[in-house]
Amino acid sequence: MSAGATKKQGQHAADDGPLLEIMDELESLTSQDEVSFGDVLDRLGDHGLLPLVLIPALICATPLSGIPGVSMICGVMIAILSFELLFRFRRAWLPGFVTRRSIKGRKLRDGLETAEPYVRWIERRTKDRMTFLFHRPMIWVPQGLCVVTGAAMPFLEFIPFSSSLCAIAVCFLVMAMLTEDGVFFLIALLPYGAVFYLIYRVVT
């Protein structure tokens, strides 16, 4: 781990919530020249499936989505992990062609540093609201949305900004489920309107 990352983790360890703790775990991998999605799975697998869905969504919501193939791989990861979450798999599984894909540690660190202030701002404003949304059968709605969104992302790569908007929606959905905040579930629906508008502009 870089000295900067260590210092930042030390400064914020006391007040980090679940979202920032996940980001800190991911940032600890960025001292490597290349970070594979298999490395991410190994590092965060013990945290459960829900945080694992957040990681590819966070990556694709940053400028890293501009790297060719990143949106497709992140979409596949979101779809598979969300499916496993929906059907209550005990352990995460991803195909080899996904776990072998990697990105530069430096680029991953830059992307996380871009996202960190936004995630911190959001996390400080989350609280238990409309918690009925996060119990069965209502919890199937955000989980199912994550599955469908991830499956759609590889097909949306040709539409500028659409994959990033989908990833932002998934980020809000996962944040809502992690913190049981129904307001953020409702906010998560807003990017879908922008995606449908972009699709409409392309096909008409």
Protein backbone atom coordinates (compact mmCIF):
# COMPACT_ATOMS: atom_id res chain seq x y z
CA MET A 1 0.00 0.00 0.00
CA SER A 2 1.29 3.46 -0.81
CA ALA A 3 2.21 5.89 1.95
CA GLY A 4 -0.57 8.23 0.84
CA ALA A 5 -3.14 5.47 1.00
CA THR A 6 -1.90 4.36 4.44
CA LYS A 7 -2.07 7.90 5.77
CA LYS A 8 -5.57 8.44 4.41
CA GLN A 9 -6.79 5.17 5.86
CA GLY A 10 -5.37 6.09 9.25
CA GLN A 11 -7.05 9.49 9.20
CA HIS A 12 -10.49 8.18 8.31
CA ALA A 13 -10.52 4.73 9.95
CA ALA A 14 -12.49 6.00 12.93
CA ASP A 15 -15.39 7.47 10.97
CA ASP A 16 -15.49 5.27 7.86
CA GLY A 17 -18.81 3.53 7.30
CA PRO A 18 -19.33 0.36 5.25
CA LEU A 19 -19.00 2.07 1.87
CA LEU A 20 -15.68 3.76 2.63
CA GLU A 21 -14.34 0.64 4.33
CA ILE A 22 -14.93 -1.24 1.07
CA MET A 23 -13.11 1.48 -0.87
CA ASP A 24 -10.19 1.36 1.58
CA GLU A 25 -9.93 -2.41 1.08
CA LEU A 26 -9.90 -1.91 -2.67
CA GLU A 27 -7.36 0.90 -2.48
CA SER A 28 -4.99 -1.39 -0.59
CA LEU A 29 -4.60 -3.35 -3.85
CA THR A 30 -3.51 -0.34 -5.90
CA SER A 31 0.15 -0.61 -4.91
CA GLN A 32 0.30 -3.49 -7.43
CA ASP A 33 1.19 -2.71 -11.02
CA GLU A 34 -1.85 -4.66 -12.23
CA VAL A 35 -5.01 -5.41 -10.25
CA SER A 36 -7.10 -8.28 -11.56
CA PHE A 37 -10.77 -8.75 -10.77
CA GLY A 38 -9.70 -12.05 -9.23
CA ASP A 39 -7.56 -10.07 -6.76
CA VAL A 40 -10.62 -7.98 -5.89
CA LEU A 41 -12.71 -11.11 -5.36
CA ASP A 42 -10.05 -12.61 -3.09
CA ARG A 43 -9.70 -9.42 -1.04
CA LEU A 44 -13.40 -8.64 -0.60
CA GLY A 45 -14.98 -12.09 -0.83
CA ASP A 46 -15.37 -12.37 2.95
CA HIS A 47 -17.49 -9.20 3.04
CA GLY A 48 -20.40 -10.93 1.30
CA LEU A 49 -21.92 -10.57 -2.14
CA LEU A 50 -23.45 -7.10 -1.80
CA PRO A 51 -20.15 -5.21 -1.41
CA LEU A 52 -18.78 -7.17 -4.36
CA VAL A 53 -21.57 -5.79 -6.56
CA LEU A 54 -20.56 -2.27 -5.53
CA ILE A 55 -16.93 -2.63 -6.71
CA PRO A 56 -17.50 -3.00 -10.50
CA ALA A 57 -20.23 -0.36 -10.29
CA LEU A 58 -17.85 2.10 -8.62
CA ILE A 59 -15.14 1.34 -11.18
CA CYS A 60 -17.50 1.89 -14.12
CA ALA A 61 -18.96 5.06 -12.59
CA THR A 62 -15.51 6.72 -12.73
CA PRO A 63 -13.45 7.77 -15.78
CA LEU A 64 -12.12 4.18 -15.80
CA SER A 65 -15.22 3.31 -17.84
CA GLY A 66 -13.45 4.93 -20.80
CA ILE A 67 -10.95 2.06 -20.94
CA PRO A 68 -12.06 -0.32 -23.73
CA GLY A 69 -13.81 -3.39 -22.37
CA VAL A 70 -14.14 -2.13 -18.79
CA SER A 71 -17.86 -1.38 -19.08
CA MET A 72 -18.52 -4.82 -20.56
CA ILE A 73 -16.56 -6.69 -17.87
CA CYS A 74 -18.07 -4.60 -15.07
CA GLY A 75 -21.56 -5.21 -16.45
CA VAL A 76 -20.97 -8.97 -16.55
CA MET A 77 -19.67 -8.88 -12.97
CA ILE A 78 -22.66 -6.86 -11.76
CA ALA A 79 -25.14 -9.21 -13.47
CA ILE A 80 -23.54 -12.43 -12.18
CA LEU A 81 -22.93 -11.22 -8.62
CA SER A 82 -26.41 -9.69 -8.38
CA PHE A 83 -27.94 -12.95 -9.63
CA GLU A 84 -26.03 -14.82 -6.93
CA LEU A 85 -27.20 -12.27 -4.36
CA LEU A 86 -30.82 -12.58 -5.51
CA PHE A 87 -30.76 -16.37 -5.19
CA ARG A 88 -28.78 -16.26 -1.95
CA PHE A 89 -25.61 -18.01 -3.07
CA ARG A 90 -23.27 -18.59 -0.16
CA ARG A 91 -20.10 -17.79 -2.06
CA ALA A 92 -19.29 -15.51 -4.96
CA TRP A 93 -18.28 -17.06 -8.28
CA LEU A 94 -17.09 -15.37 -11.45
CA PRO A 95 -15.93 -16.97 -14.73
CA GLY A 96 -12.23 -17.09 -15.47
CA PHE A 97 -12.37 -14.64 -18.38
CA VAL A 98 -13.61 -12.04 -15.87
CA THR A 99 -11.25 -12.78 -12.97
CA ARG A 100 -8.23 -12.72 -15.29
CA ARG A 101 -8.98 -9.21 -16.59
CA SER A 102 -6.95 -6.50 -14.93
CA ILE A 103 -6.45 -2.74 -14.81
CA LYS A 104 -3.45 -0.64 -13.89
CA GLY A 105 -3.11 -0.12 -10.16
CA ARG A 106 -2.41 3.58 -10.73
CA LYS A 107 -5.55 4.05 -12.80
CA LEU A 108 -7.63 2.22 -10.20
CA ARG A 109 -6.21 4.46 -7.45
CA ASP A 110 -7.00 7.58 -9.49
CA GLY A 111 -10.56 6.39 -10.07
CA LEU A 112 -11.09 5.66 -6.37
CA GLU A 113 -9.70 9.05 -5.40
CA THR A 114 -12.17 10.65 -7.81
CA ALA A 115 -15.10 8.76 -6.30
CA GLU A 116 -14.08 9.00 -2.62
CA PRO A 117 -15.41 12.51 -1.77
CA TYR A 118 -18.77 11.73 -3.37
CA VAL A 119 -19.06 8.42 -1.51
CA ARG A 120 -18.07 10.13 1.76
CA TRP A 121 -20.69 12.86 1.22
CA ILE A 122 -23.36 10.24 0.52
CA GLU A 123 -22.42 8.02 3.44
CA ARG A 124 -22.67 10.88 5.93
CA ARG A 125 -26.26 11.44 4.83
CA THR A 126 -27.54 7.88 4.92
CA LYS A 127 -29.79 6.60 7.70
CA ASP A 128 -32.56 4.06 8.19
CA ARG A 129 -35.48 5.22 6.04
CA MET A 130 -38.28 3.20 4.45
CA THR A 131 -36.58 0.02 5.64
CA PHE A 132 -39.54 -2.09 4.47
CA LEU A 133 -37.95 -1.86 1.02
CA PHE A 134 -35.06 -4.03 2.20
CA HIS A 135 -37.00 -7.05 3.38
CA ARG A 136 -38.40 -9.85 1.25
CA PRO A 137 -40.21 -9.65 -1.08
CA MET A 138 -39.48 -5.93 -1.65
CA ILE A 139 -35.69 -6.46 -1.59
CA TRP A 140 -36.09 -8.43 -4.82
CA VAL A 141 -36.79 -5.13 -6.63
CA PRO A 142 -33.34 -3.49 -6.14
CA GLN A 143 -31.59 -6.86 -6.47
CA GLY A 144 -33.43 -7.61 -9.70
CA LEU A 145 -32.70 -4.13 -11.04
CA CYS A 146 -29.00 -4.77 -10.47
CA VAL A 147 -29.18 -8.03 -12.44
CA VAL A 148 -30.98 -6.43 -15.39
CA THR A 149 -28.76 -3.33 -15.37
CA GLY A 150 -25.54 -5.34 -15.35
CA ALA A 151 -26.81 -7.57 -18.18
CA ALA A 152 -27.68 -4.50 -20.26
CA MET A 153 -24.37 -2.67 -19.81
CA PRO A 154 -22.31 -4.63 -22.39
CA PHE A 155 -24.92 -3.75 -25.03
CA LEU A 156 -24.90 -0.06 -24.11
CA GLU A 157 -21.17 0.53 -24.60
CA PHE A 158 -21.80 2.12 -27.99
CA ILE A 159 -24.03 4.82 -26.41
CA PRO A 160 -21.86 7.49 -24.76
CA PHE A 161 -22.28 7.85 -20.98
CA SER A 162 -24.98 5.17 -20.77
CA SER A 163 -22.80 2.55 -19.06
CA SER A 164 -21.57 5.10 -16.52
CA LEU A 165 -25.16 6.14 -15.78
CA CYS A 166 -26.13 2.49 -15.31
CA ALA A 167 -23.17 2.02 -12.97
CA ILE A 168 -24.18 5.10 -10.96
CA ALA A 169 -27.68 3.65 -10.60
CA VAL A 170 -26.24 0.35 -9.33
CA CYS A 171 -23.99 2.26 -6.90
CA PHE A 172 -27.03 3.97 -5.41
CA LEU A 173 -28.97 0.71 -5.28
CA VAL A 174 -26.16 -1.08 -3.45
CA MET A 175 -25.59 1.89 -1.12
CA ALA A 176 -29.31 1.87 -0.34
CA MET A 177 -29.24 -1.86 0.45
CA LEU A 178 -26.06 -1.61 2.55
CA THR A 179 -27.42 1.27 4.63
CA GLU A 180 -31.16 0.41 4.40
CA ASP A 181 -31.94 3.92 3.21
CA GLY A 182 -35.04 4.01 1.01
CA VAL A 183 -34.38 7.59 -0.09
CA PHE A 184 -31.25 6.45 -1.90
CA PHE A 185 -33.24 3.65 -3.51
CA LEU A 186 -35.54 6.31 -4.99
CA ILE A 187 -32.52 8.41 -6.07
CA ALA A 188 -31.15 5.31 -7.81
CA LEU A 189 -34.11 5.36 -10.19
CA LEU A 190 -33.17 8.78 -11.61
CA PRO A 191 -30.20 7.66 -13.77
CA TYR A 192 -32.46 5.16 -15.55
CA GLY A 193 -34.48 8.05 -16.93
CA ALA A 194 -31.31 9.55 -18.39
CA VAL A 195 -30.33 6.18 -19.90
CA PHE A 196 -33.72 5.75 -21.58
CA TYR A 197 -33.42 9.28 -22.95
CA LEU A 198 -29.97 8.54 -24.44
CA ILE A 199 -31.28 5.33 -26.00
CA TYR A 200 -34.24 7.22 -27.43
CA ARG A 201 -31.90 9.83 -28.95
CA VAL A 202 -29.83 7.12 -30.62
CA VAL A 203 -32.71 5.08 -32.08
CA THR A 204 -34.81 8.01 -33.33
